[in-house]
Every structure is written in C-alpha cells, then in structure tokens.
Amino acid sequence: MQNTSKQYDIVINECRSLFIKKMSDYGSAWRILRLPSLTDQIFIKAQRIRQLQENTVRKVDEGEKSEFIGIINYSVMALIQLELGVVEQPDLNTKEASDLYDKHIKITKELMENKNHDYGEAWRDMRISSLTDLILQKLLRVKQIEDNQGKTLVSEGIDANYQDMINYAVFAMIHFSEK
C-alpha cells in the first residue's frame, strides 16, 4: 500500500499543477458554478472517456488521461463549492484555492487509504473501463441527490460521491502509468 500512496501523490501533483496553471489563466471563475453545473462537467468527461473506450476512431486528439485529470479537478472544485457555497464573482486567489485543493485532497486520500486497507487494494484487479463505469454510476447518484435537493434517506452524501470519483480517477491514472 506504500506504493499506492506514492503513486497517488504523483497523480495528484500532476492534477494540482494543471489546476494552479488554470487558476493563473482564468482565476477562480469556476466559483460561480452551481453544483449541478460541476456535476454535468464531470459527467461530460466521464461520458467522453466511455466513448473513447468503446470507439476506435477519434476525431479529437485528446485521450482518456486528460479527461480523468478533469474529473479529479472538477470534483475538487465541487468539494470546495460544497464547503464555501457558490458566489456571484470569483473570490479566491491562487494560494487560497490551492490551499483548499490540498485540504480536500488530504481528506480524500485518507478515505482512499482507509478503504484500500479494508478492500485489500481490489482496484488493482479492476479494468479502467470498470472504474469509468463506477464514476458514471456515482455521477448518476449525485444527480439524483441534487434532484432531491440534497436529501437522502440512507445513503452517503454528495461529498462522499465526489471523493469516490476522485479516487476512482486516480486509480485509473495509476493503471495508465503502469502500462
């Protein structure tokens, strides 16, 4: 599991680096996005990954890896929005946003380590296509919870689903790095 922790950090460093570069280009314009908008952005990325996995012809020269990075970063943005709420104008500088990014990744990585311990790294035997399907399933759950105004009877909340999506996307990225 020690190797998983290091591999996780490598993937997150790549995602975080892109997040910070985009903060420099665009600022925190994403802070105006409501949760359903972020969920839809993640859904588009997951659907594209699934299409790439099923189609042999590609008309846009971007692969699955960049889409998984997008899933990770948009999911972190969603966790930040859950914590801070939506604003009318961008309100975070790069340092504030990266500190929040780090905070939510730390919590999400701890969740991964706990589940990884209990499940015995079962994800290592999974296909990337299965991880994609699990992300899509989590997205459909989040959409239903959003349609229910955030209320659940017995299920985990939206935040846990975003955290799981981050972890599944990181696992997919680790699989890519091992190929």
N, C-alpha and C. Protein backbone atom coordinates (compact mmCIF):
# COMPACT_ATOMS: atom_id res chain seq x y z
N MET A 1 0.83 -1.20 0.00
CA MET A 1 0.00 0.00 0.00
C MET A 1 0.87 1.26 0.00
N GLN A 2 2.11 1.13 0.46
CA GLN A 2 3.04 2.26 0.45
C GLN A 2 3.22 2.78 -0.97
N ASN A 3 3.33 1.85 -1.93
CA ASN A 3 3.48 2.23 -3.33
C ASN A 3 2.26 2.99 -3.83
N THR A 4 1.07 2.57 -3.42
CA THR A 4 -0.16 3.24 -3.82
C THR A 4 -0.14 4.70 -3.35
N SER A 5 0.29 4.93 -2.13
CA SER A 5 0.34 6.29 -1.59
C SER A 5 1.26 7.18 -2.43
N LYS A 6 2.41 6.66 -2.80
CA LYS A 6 3.35 7.43 -3.64
C LYS A 6 2.77 7.67 -5.03
N GLN A 7 2.18 6.62 -5.60
CA GLN A 7 1.57 6.77 -6.93
C GLN A 7 0.42 7.77 -6.89
N TYR A 8 -0.36 7.74 -5.83
CA TYR A 8 -1.47 8.68 -5.64
C TYR A 8 -0.93 10.10 -5.65
N ASP A 9 0.12 10.33 -4.89
CA ASP A 9 0.71 11.67 -4.80
C ASP A 9 1.23 12.15 -6.16
N ILE A 10 1.81 11.27 -6.94
CA ILE A 10 2.31 11.64 -8.27
C ILE A 10 1.16 12.09 -9.15
N VAL A 11 0.07 11.33 -9.15
CA VAL A 11 -1.10 11.68 -9.95
C VAL A 11 -1.66 13.03 -9.50
N ILE A 12 -1.82 13.19 -8.19
CA ILE A 12 -2.39 14.43 -7.66
C ILE A 12 -1.48 15.62 -7.96
N ASN A 13 -0.19 15.44 -7.90
CA ASN A 13 0.73 16.55 -8.23
C ASN A 13 0.54 17.01 -9.67
N GLU A 14 0.32 16.07 -10.58
CA GLU A 14 0.05 16.43 -11.98
C GLU A 14 -1.26 17.20 -12.10
N CYS A 15 -2.28 16.72 -11.41
CA CYS A 15 -3.60 17.38 -11.46
C CYS A 15 -3.54 18.76 -10.81
N ARG A 16 -2.89 18.84 -9.68
CA ARG A 16 -2.77 20.10 -8.94
C ARG A 16 -2.00 21.14 -9.76
N SER A 17 -0.95 20.69 -10.43
CA SER A 17 -0.16 21.59 -11.27
C SER A 17 -1.03 22.22 -12.36
N LEU A 18 -1.85 21.40 -13.00
CA LEU A 18 -2.76 21.93 -14.03
C LEU A 18 -3.79 22.87 -13.41
N PHE A 19 -4.33 22.51 -12.25
CA PHE A 19 -5.29 23.36 -11.55
C PHE A 19 -4.69 24.74 -11.29
N ILE A 20 -3.46 24.79 -10.80
CA ILE A 20 -2.81 26.06 -10.48
C ILE A 20 -2.54 26.86 -11.76
N LYS A 21 -2.12 26.20 -12.82
CA LYS A 21 -1.89 26.90 -14.10
C LYS A 21 -3.19 27.49 -14.62
N LYS A 22 -4.28 26.74 -14.50
CA LYS A 22 -5.57 27.27 -14.96
C LYS A 22 -6.05 28.40 -14.06
N MET A 23 -5.73 28.34 -12.77
CA MET A 23 -6.04 29.46 -11.87
C MET A 23 -5.30 30.71 -12.33
N SER A 24 -4.07 30.56 -12.79
CA SER A 24 -3.31 31.70 -13.29
C SER A 24 -3.95 32.26 -14.56
N ASP A 25 -4.44 31.38 -15.42
CA ASP A 25 -5.06 31.82 -16.68
C ASP A 25 -6.45 32.42 -16.47
N TYR A 26 -7.27 31.76 -15.63
CA TYR A 26 -8.69 32.11 -15.54
C TYR A 26 -9.13 32.65 -14.19
N GLY A 27 -8.25 32.61 -13.20
CA GLY A 27 -8.67 32.98 -11.86
C GLY A 27 -9.64 31.94 -11.32
N SER A 28 -10.44 32.33 -10.37
CA SER A 28 -11.39 31.38 -9.78
C SER A 28 -12.80 31.57 -10.35
N ALA A 29 -12.87 31.75 -11.68
CA ALA A 29 -14.17 31.91 -12.35
C ALA A 29 -15.09 30.73 -12.06
N TRP A 30 -14.52 29.56 -11.81
CA TRP A 30 -15.31 28.37 -11.50
C TRP A 30 -16.14 28.52 -10.22
N ARG A 31 -15.80 29.51 -9.39
CA ARG A 31 -16.52 29.70 -8.12
C ARG A 31 -17.99 30.10 -8.34
N ILE A 32 -18.34 30.53 -9.54
CA ILE A 32 -19.74 30.89 -9.80
C ILE A 32 -20.59 29.68 -10.18
N LEU A 33 -19.94 28.54 -10.42
CA LEU A 33 -20.67 27.36 -10.86
C LEU A 33 -21.45 26.71 -9.72
N ARG A 34 -22.71 26.44 -9.97
CA ARG A 34 -23.52 25.69 -9.02
C ARG A 34 -23.14 24.21 -9.11
N LEU A 35 -23.44 23.47 -8.06
CA LEU A 35 -23.06 22.05 -8.03
C LEU A 35 -23.57 21.25 -9.24
N PRO A 36 -24.83 21.43 -9.66
CA PRO A 36 -25.27 20.67 -10.83
C PRO A 36 -24.44 20.98 -12.08
N SER A 37 -23.95 22.19 -12.21
CA SER A 37 -23.10 22.52 -13.35
C SER A 37 -21.77 21.78 -13.28
N LEU A 38 -21.19 21.71 -12.09
CA LEU A 38 -19.95 20.95 -11.92
C LEU A 38 -20.19 19.46 -12.16
N THR A 39 -21.30 18.96 -11.63
CA THR A 39 -21.65 17.55 -11.84
C THR A 39 -21.78 17.26 -13.34
N ASP A 40 -22.41 18.17 -14.07
CA ASP A 40 -22.58 17.98 -15.51
C ASP A 40 -21.23 18.01 -16.23
N GLN A 41 -20.32 18.87 -15.81
CA GLN A 41 -18.98 18.91 -16.41
C GLN A 41 -18.27 17.58 -16.21
N ILE A 42 -18.36 17.04 -15.01
CA ILE A 42 -17.73 15.75 -14.72
C ILE A 42 -18.41 14.65 -15.54
N PHE A 43 -19.73 14.72 -15.66
CA PHE A 43 -20.48 13.74 -16.43
C PHE A 43 -20.04 13.73 -17.89
N ILE A 44 -19.86 14.93 -18.47
CA ILE A 44 -19.40 15.03 -19.86
C ILE A 44 -18.04 14.36 -20.02
N LYS A 45 -17.14 14.59 -19.07
CA LYS A 45 -15.81 14.00 -19.14
C LYS A 45 -15.88 12.47 -19.01
N ALA A 46 -16.69 11.98 -18.09
CA ALA A 46 -16.81 10.53 -17.92
C ALA A 46 -17.46 9.89 -19.15
N GLN A 47 -18.46 10.54 -19.72
CA GLN A 47 -19.10 10.03 -20.94
C GLN A 47 -18.10 9.99 -22.10
N ARG A 48 -17.26 11.02 -22.19
CA ARG A 48 -16.25 11.04 -23.25
C ARG A 48 -15.26 9.89 -23.07
N ILE A 49 -14.84 9.65 -21.84
CA ILE A 49 -13.94 8.52 -21.58
C ILE A 49 -14.58 7.22 -22.04
N ARG A 50 -15.84 7.05 -21.69
CA ARG A 50 -16.54 5.82 -22.08
C ARG A 50 -16.60 5.69 -23.60
N GLN A 51 -16.88 6.79 -24.28
CA GLN A 51 -16.91 6.77 -25.75
C GLN A 51 -15.53 6.43 -26.32
N LEU A 52 -14.48 7.01 -25.74
CA LEU A 52 -13.12 6.69 -26.20
C LEU A 52 -12.80 5.22 -25.99
N GLN A 53 -13.30 4.66 -24.91
CA GLN A 53 -13.05 3.24 -24.63
C GLN A 53 -13.81 2.33 -25.58
N GLU A 54 -14.94 2.80 -26.09
CA GLU A 54 -15.78 1.97 -26.95
C GLU A 54 -15.53 2.21 -28.44
N ASN A 55 -15.04 3.39 -28.81
CA ASN A 55 -14.83 3.72 -30.22
C ASN A 55 -13.35 3.63 -30.59
N THR A 56 -13.09 3.12 -31.76
CA THR A 56 -11.70 3.04 -32.21
C THR A 56 -11.29 4.30 -32.96
N VAL A 57 -12.25 5.03 -33.51
CA VAL A 57 -11.95 6.25 -34.26
C VAL A 57 -12.07 7.45 -33.33
N ARG A 58 -11.02 8.30 -33.32
CA ARG A 58 -11.03 9.52 -32.50
C ARG A 58 -10.85 10.73 -33.41
N LYS A 59 -11.73 11.71 -33.25
CA LYS A 59 -11.66 12.91 -34.07
C LYS A 59 -11.03 14.08 -33.34
N VAL A 60 -10.85 13.96 -32.03
CA VAL A 60 -10.19 14.98 -31.23
C VAL A 60 -8.97 14.33 -30.60
N ASP A 61 -7.83 14.99 -30.70
CA ASP A 61 -6.58 14.38 -30.25
C ASP A 61 -6.34 14.59 -28.76
N GLU A 62 -7.26 14.09 -27.95
CA GLU A 62 -7.10 14.07 -26.50
C GLU A 62 -7.53 12.69 -26.03
N GLY A 63 -6.78 12.14 -25.11
CA GLY A 63 -7.09 10.81 -24.64
C GLY A 63 -7.82 10.79 -23.32
N GLU A 64 -7.92 9.60 -22.78
CA GLU A 64 -8.63 9.39 -21.52
C GLU A 64 -7.93 10.09 -20.36
N LYS A 65 -6.62 10.11 -20.38
CA LYS A 65 -5.86 10.64 -19.25
C LYS A 65 -6.26 12.09 -18.93
N SER A 66 -6.35 12.93 -19.94
CA SER A 66 -6.71 14.34 -19.69
C SER A 66 -8.13 14.47 -19.14
N GLU A 67 -9.00 13.55 -19.54
CA GLU A 67 -10.37 13.58 -19.03
C GLU A 67 -10.43 13.14 -17.57
N PHE A 68 -9.61 12.14 -17.20
CA PHE A 68 -9.55 11.73 -15.80
C PHE A 68 -8.99 12.85 -14.93
N ILE A 69 -8.01 13.58 -15.45
CA ILE A 69 -7.49 14.74 -14.72
C ILE A 69 -8.61 15.76 -14.51
N GLY A 70 -9.41 15.98 -15.55
CA GLY A 70 -10.54 16.89 -15.43
C GLY A 70 -11.55 16.43 -14.39
N ILE A 71 -11.81 15.13 -14.33
CA ILE A 71 -12.73 14.60 -13.32
C ILE A 71 -12.20 14.89 -11.93
N ILE A 72 -10.91 14.67 -11.73
CA ILE A 72 -10.30 14.92 -10.42
C ILE A 72 -10.44 16.40 -10.06
N ASN A 73 -10.03 17.27 -10.96
CA ASN A 73 -10.03 18.70 -10.64
C ASN A 73 -11.44 19.27 -10.48
N TYR A 74 -12.37 18.88 -11.33
CA TYR A 74 -13.75 19.35 -11.17
C TYR A 74 -14.37 18.81 -9.89
N SER A 75 -14.02 17.59 -9.51
CA SER A 75 -14.54 17.04 -8.25
C SER A 75 -14.01 17.80 -7.05
N VAL A 76 -12.74 18.19 -7.10
CA VAL A 76 -12.19 19.01 -6.01
C VAL A 76 -12.91 20.36 -5.98
N MET A 77 -13.15 20.96 -7.13
CA MET A 77 -13.89 22.22 -7.18
C MET A 77 -15.27 22.04 -6.54
N ALA A 78 -15.92 20.92 -6.83
CA ALA A 78 -17.25 20.66 -6.26
C ALA A 78 -17.17 20.55 -4.74
N LEU A 79 -16.14 19.89 -4.23
CA LEU A 79 -15.98 19.79 -2.78
C LEU A 79 -15.75 21.17 -2.15
N ILE A 80 -15.00 22.01 -2.85
CA ILE A 80 -14.78 23.39 -2.36
C ILE A 80 -16.11 24.15 -2.38
N GLN A 81 -16.89 23.98 -3.44
CA GLN A 81 -18.18 24.66 -3.52
C GLN A 81 -19.12 24.19 -2.41
N LEU A 82 -19.08 22.88 -2.13
CA LEU A 82 -19.90 22.37 -1.02
C LEU A 82 -19.52 23.03 0.29
N GLU A 83 -18.23 23.24 0.48
CA GLU A 83 -17.76 23.85 1.72
C GLU A 83 -18.07 25.35 1.79
N LEU A 84 -17.76 26.08 0.72
CA LEU A 84 -17.84 27.55 0.75
C LEU A 84 -19.14 28.11 0.20
N GLY A 85 -19.83 27.34 -0.62
CA GLY A 85 -21.01 27.86 -1.30
C GLY A 85 -20.63 28.55 -2.59
N VAL A 86 -21.64 28.80 -3.40
CA VAL A 86 -21.46 29.45 -4.69
C VAL A 86 -21.42 30.96 -4.49
N VAL A 87 -20.62 31.65 -5.30
CA VAL A 87 -20.53 33.11 -5.22
C VAL A 87 -20.92 33.73 -6.55
N GLU A 88 -21.17 35.02 -6.52
CA GLU A 88 -21.55 35.75 -7.74
C GLU A 88 -20.34 36.19 -8.55
N GLN A 89 -19.21 36.36 -7.87
CA GLN A 89 -17.97 36.81 -8.51
C GLN A 89 -16.81 35.97 -7.99
N PRO A 90 -15.80 35.72 -8.82
CA PRO A 90 -14.62 34.99 -8.33
C PRO A 90 -14.05 35.67 -7.08
N ASP A 91 -13.70 34.84 -6.09
CA ASP A 91 -13.30 35.42 -4.81
C ASP A 91 -12.05 34.78 -4.20
N LEU A 92 -11.43 33.85 -4.89
CA LEU A 92 -10.26 33.17 -4.35
C LEU A 92 -9.03 33.48 -5.19
N ASN A 93 -7.92 33.76 -4.51
CA ASN A 93 -6.67 33.87 -5.26
C ASN A 93 -6.07 32.48 -5.39
N THR A 94 -4.97 32.37 -6.11
CA THR A 94 -4.37 31.06 -6.37
C THR A 94 -3.95 30.36 -5.09
N LYS A 95 -3.38 31.08 -4.13
CA LYS A 95 -2.94 30.45 -2.88
C LYS A 95 -4.14 29.92 -2.09
N GLU A 96 -5.18 30.73 -1.97
CA GLU A 96 -6.37 30.29 -1.23
C GLU A 96 -6.98 29.05 -1.89
N ALA A 97 -7.09 29.08 -3.21
CA ALA A 97 -7.69 27.95 -3.93
C ALA A 97 -6.80 26.71 -3.81
N SER A 98 -5.49 26.87 -3.92
CA SER A 98 -4.61 25.70 -3.82
C SER A 98 -4.59 25.15 -2.40
N ASP A 99 -4.72 26.00 -1.39
CA ASP A 99 -4.81 25.52 -0.01
C ASP A 99 -6.09 24.69 0.19
N LEU A 100 -7.20 25.16 -0.37
CA LEU A 100 -8.45 24.40 -0.29
C LEU A 100 -8.35 23.10 -1.08
N TYR A 101 -7.70 23.15 -2.22
CA TYR A 101 -7.46 21.95 -3.03
C TYR A 101 -6.73 20.92 -2.18
N ASP A 102 -5.64 21.36 -1.56
CA ASP A 102 -4.83 20.46 -0.73
C ASP A 102 -5.63 19.88 0.44
N LYS A 103 -6.45 20.71 1.05
CA LYS A 103 -7.27 20.27 2.19
C LYS A 103 -8.20 19.14 1.77
N HIS A 104 -8.88 19.32 0.64
CA HIS A 104 -9.85 18.31 0.20
C HIS A 104 -9.17 17.06 -0.34
N ILE A 105 -8.02 17.22 -0.95
CA ILE A 105 -7.27 16.04 -1.40
C ILE A 105 -6.76 15.25 -0.20
N LYS A 106 -6.33 15.94 0.83
CA LYS A 106 -5.85 15.23 2.04
C LYS A 106 -6.97 14.37 2.63
N ILE A 107 -8.16 14.93 2.74
CA ILE A 107 -9.31 14.19 3.27
C ILE A 107 -9.65 13.01 2.35
N THR A 108 -9.62 13.25 1.05
CA THR A 108 -9.97 12.23 0.07
C THR A 108 -8.93 11.11 0.04
N LYS A 109 -7.66 11.48 0.18
CA LYS A 109 -6.61 10.46 0.21
C LYS A 109 -6.73 9.60 1.47
N GLU A 110 -7.05 10.21 2.59
CA GLU A 110 -7.25 9.44 3.83
C GLU A 110 -8.40 8.44 3.67
N LEU A 111 -9.46 8.87 3.01
CA LEU A 111 -10.57 7.96 2.72
C LEU A 111 -10.09 6.80 1.86
N MET A 112 -9.30 7.11 0.83
CA MET A 112 -8.76 6.07 -0.05
C MET A 112 -7.92 5.08 0.75
N GLU A 113 -7.06 5.59 1.61
CA GLU A 113 -6.18 4.71 2.38
C GLU A 113 -6.99 3.79 3.30
N ASN A 114 -8.03 4.32 3.91
CA ASN A 114 -8.88 3.51 4.79
C ASN A 114 -9.63 2.44 3.99
N LYS A 115 -10.22 2.83 2.86
CA LYS A 115 -10.93 1.86 2.04
C LYS A 115 -9.96 0.86 1.42
N ASN A 116 -8.80 1.35 1.01
CA ASN A 116 -7.80 0.48 0.41
C ASN A 116 -7.36 -0.60 1.40
N HIS A 117 -7.23 -0.21 2.64
CA HIS A 117 -6.88 -1.17 3.69
C HIS A 117 -7.97 -2.23 3.83
N ASP A 118 -9.22 -1.78 3.91
CA ASP A 118 -10.33 -2.70 4.13
C ASP A 118 -10.61 -3.59 2.91
N TYR A 119 -10.41 -3.05 1.70
CA TYR A 119 -10.71 -3.81 0.48
C TYR A 119 -9.49 -4.53 -0.09
N GLY A 120 -8.32 -4.33 0.52
CA GLY A 120 -7.13 -5.03 0.07
C GLY A 120 -6.68 -4.67 -1.33
N GLU A 121 -6.79 -3.40 -1.67
CA GLU A 121 -6.37 -2.89 -2.99
C GLU A 121 -7.06 -3.64 -4.15
N ALA A 122 -8.32 -3.96 -3.97
CA ALA A 122 -9.07 -4.68 -5.01
C ALA A 122 -9.08 -3.91 -6.34
N TRP A 123 -8.97 -2.60 -6.29
CA TRP A 123 -8.99 -1.78 -7.51
C TRP A 123 -7.87 -2.16 -8.47
N ARG A 124 -6.78 -2.70 -7.95
CA ARG A 124 -5.65 -3.07 -8.82
C ARG A 124 -6.03 -4.17 -9.81
N ASP A 125 -7.05 -4.96 -9.49
CA ASP A 125 -7.51 -6.02 -10.39
C ASP A 125 -8.66 -5.56 -11.29
N MET A 126 -9.04 -4.31 -11.15
CA MET A 126 -10.14 -3.78 -11.96
C MET A 126 -9.61 -3.21 -13.27
N ARG A 127 -10.47 -3.22 -14.26
CA ARG A 127 -10.16 -2.59 -15.55
C ARG A 127 -10.46 -1.09 -15.47
N ILE A 128 -9.77 -0.32 -16.30
CA ILE A 128 -10.04 1.12 -16.37
C ILE A 128 -11.49 1.36 -16.78
N SER A 129 -12.01 0.51 -17.67
CA SER A 129 -13.41 0.67 -18.10
C SER A 129 -14.37 0.49 -16.92
N SER A 130 -14.04 -0.40 -15.99
CA SER A 130 -14.90 -0.57 -14.81
C SER A 130 -14.84 0.65 -13.90
N LEU A 131 -13.65 1.22 -13.76
CA LEU A 131 -13.52 2.45 -12.97
C LEU A 131 -14.33 3.58 -13.60
N THR A 132 -14.32 3.64 -14.93
CA THR A 132 -15.13 4.63 -15.65
C THR A 132 -16.61 4.43 -15.35
N ASP A 133 -17.05 3.18 -15.41
CA ASP A 133 -18.46 2.89 -15.13
C ASP A 133 -18.84 3.25 -13.70
N LEU A 134 -17.94 3.01 -12.75
CA LEU A 134 -18.22 3.38 -11.36
C LEU A 134 -18.33 4.89 -11.19
N ILE A 135 -17.50 5.63 -11.92
CA ILE A 135 -17.59 7.10 -11.88
C ILE A 135 -18.94 7.54 -12.44
N LEU A 136 -19.34 6.95 -13.55
CA LEU A 136 -20.64 7.30 -14.14
C LEU A 136 -21.79 6.96 -13.18
N GLN A 137 -21.68 5.82 -12.51
CA GLN A 137 -22.71 5.45 -11.53
C GLN A 137 -22.76 6.48 -10.40
N LYS A 138 -21.61 6.89 -9.90
CA LYS A 138 -21.56 7.91 -8.84
C LYS A 138 -22.18 9.21 -9.33
N LEU A 139 -21.92 9.57 -10.57
CA LEU A 139 -22.49 10.80 -11.13
C LEU A 139 -24.01 10.72 -11.20
N LEU A 140 -24.54 9.59 -11.61
CA LEU A 140 -26.00 9.43 -11.65
C LEU A 140 -26.59 9.51 -10.24
N ARG A 141 -25.87 8.98 -9.26
CA ARG A 141 -26.32 9.10 -7.87
C ARG A 141 -26.33 10.56 -7.43
N VAL A 142 -25.24 11.28 -7.75
CA VAL A 142 -25.16 12.70 -7.38
C VAL A 142 -26.29 13.48 -8.04
N LYS A 143 -26.55 13.21 -9.31
CA LYS A 143 -27.64 13.91 -9.99
C LYS A 143 -28.98 13.67 -9.29
N GLN A 144 -29.20 12.43 -8.86
CA GLN A 144 -30.45 12.11 -8.17
C GLN A 144 -30.52 12.84 -6.82
N ILE A 145 -29.41 12.86 -6.10
CA ILE A 145 -29.38 13.57 -4.81
C ILE A 145 -29.61 15.06 -5.04
N GLU A 146 -29.01 15.61 -6.09
CA GLU A 146 -29.24 17.03 -6.41
C GLU A 146 -30.71 17.28 -6.73
N ASP A 147 -31.31 16.36 -7.49
CA ASP A 147 -32.73 16.49 -7.81
C ASP A 147 -33.60 16.39 -6.56
N ASN A 148 -33.10 15.71 -5.54
CA ASN A 148 -33.81 15.59 -4.26
C ASN A 148 -33.41 16.71 -3.29
N GLN A 149 -32.85 17.79 -3.82
CA GLN A 149 -32.40 18.94 -3.01
C GLN A 149 -31.41 18.53 -1.92
N GLY A 150 -30.57 17.54 -2.22
CA GLY A 150 -29.51 17.14 -1.30
C GLY A 150 -29.94 16.18 -0.20
N LYS A 151 -31.21 15.81 -0.20
CA LYS A 151 -31.70 14.93 0.87
C LYS A 151 -31.53 13.46 0.48
N THR A 152 -31.07 12.66 1.45
CA THR A 152 -31.01 11.21 1.27
C THR A 152 -31.65 10.55 2.49
N LEU A 153 -32.17 9.37 2.29
CA LEU A 153 -32.77 8.64 3.40
C LEU A 153 -31.74 7.79 4.14
N VAL A 154 -30.95 7.03 3.37
CA VAL A 154 -29.98 6.13 3.99
C VAL A 154 -28.60 6.18 3.33
N SER A 155 -28.45 6.99 2.32
CA SER A 155 -27.23 6.98 1.53
C SER A 155 -26.25 8.05 1.97
N GLU A 156 -24.98 7.85 1.58
CA GLU A 156 -23.96 8.85 1.86
C GLU A 156 -24.27 10.11 1.07
N GLY A 157 -23.67 11.21 1.48
CA GLY A 157 -23.95 12.48 0.84
C GLY A 157 -23.19 12.71 -0.45
N ILE A 158 -23.41 13.87 -1.02
CA ILE A 158 -22.77 14.23 -2.28
C ILE A 158 -21.26 14.25 -2.13
N ASP A 159 -20.76 14.76 -1.01
CA ASP A 159 -19.31 14.88 -0.83
C ASP A 159 -18.62 13.53 -0.94
N ALA A 160 -19.18 12.49 -0.35
CA ALA A 160 -18.57 11.16 -0.41
C ALA A 160 -18.52 10.64 -1.85
N ASN A 161 -19.53 10.98 -2.64
CA ASN A 161 -19.54 10.56 -4.04
C ASN A 161 -18.46 11.27 -4.84
N TYR A 162 -18.28 12.56 -4.62
CA TYR A 162 -17.20 13.29 -5.29
C TYR A 162 -15.84 12.72 -4.88
N GLN A 163 -15.69 12.40 -3.60
CA GLN A 163 -14.42 11.81 -3.13
C GLN A 163 -14.17 10.47 -3.80
N ASP A 164 -15.19 9.65 -3.91
CA ASP A 164 -15.03 8.36 -4.59
C ASP A 164 -14.65 8.56 -6.05
N MET A 165 -15.26 9.54 -6.72
CA MET A 165 -14.92 9.80 -8.12
C MET A 165 -13.45 10.19 -8.26
N ILE A 166 -12.97 11.03 -7.35
CA ILE A 166 -11.56 11.41 -7.36
C ILE A 166 -10.70 10.15 -7.24
N ASN A 167 -11.03 9.32 -6.27
CA ASN A 167 -10.21 8.13 -6.03
C ASN A 167 -10.26 7.15 -7.20
N TYR A 168 -11.43 6.94 -7.79
CA TYR A 168 -11.51 6.06 -8.97
C TYR A 168 -10.69 6.63 -10.13
N ALA A 169 -10.75 7.95 -10.32
CA ALA A 169 -9.98 8.57 -11.41
C ALA A 169 -8.48 8.45 -11.14
N VAL A 170 -8.06 8.61 -9.89
CA VAL A 170 -6.65 8.43 -9.55
C VAL A 170 -6.23 6.99 -9.82
N PHE A 171 -7.06 6.03 -9.47
CA PHE A 171 -6.73 4.63 -9.72
C PHE A 171 -6.56 4.39 -11.23
N ALA A 172 -7.43 4.98 -12.03
CA ALA A 172 -7.31 4.83 -13.48
C ALA A 172 -5.98 5.41 -13.96
N MET A 173 -5.63 6.57 -13.44
CA MET A 173 -4.36 7.21 -13.82
C MET A 173 -3.16 6.34 -13.40
N ILE A 174 -3.26 5.71 -12.25
CA ILE A 174 -2.18 4.81 -11.81
C ILE A 174 -2.08 3.63 -12.77
N HIS A 175 -3.22 3.09 -13.17
CA HIS A 175 -3.20 1.99 -14.16
C HIS A 175 -2.51 2.43 -15.44
N PHE A 176 -2.81 3.64 -15.92
CA PHE A 176 -2.16 4.15 -17.13
C PHE A 176 -0.64 4.21 -16.94
N SER A 177 -0.21 4.65 -15.78
CA SER A 177 1.24 4.81 -15.53
C SER A 177 1.95 3.45 -15.46
N GLU A 178 1.20 2.40 -15.16
CA GLU A 178 1.81 1.07 -15.04
C GLU A 178 1.81 0.30 -16.37
N LYS A 179 1.15 0.86 -17.38
CA LYS A 179 1.10 0.18 -18.69
C LYS A 179 2.40 0.40 -19.44
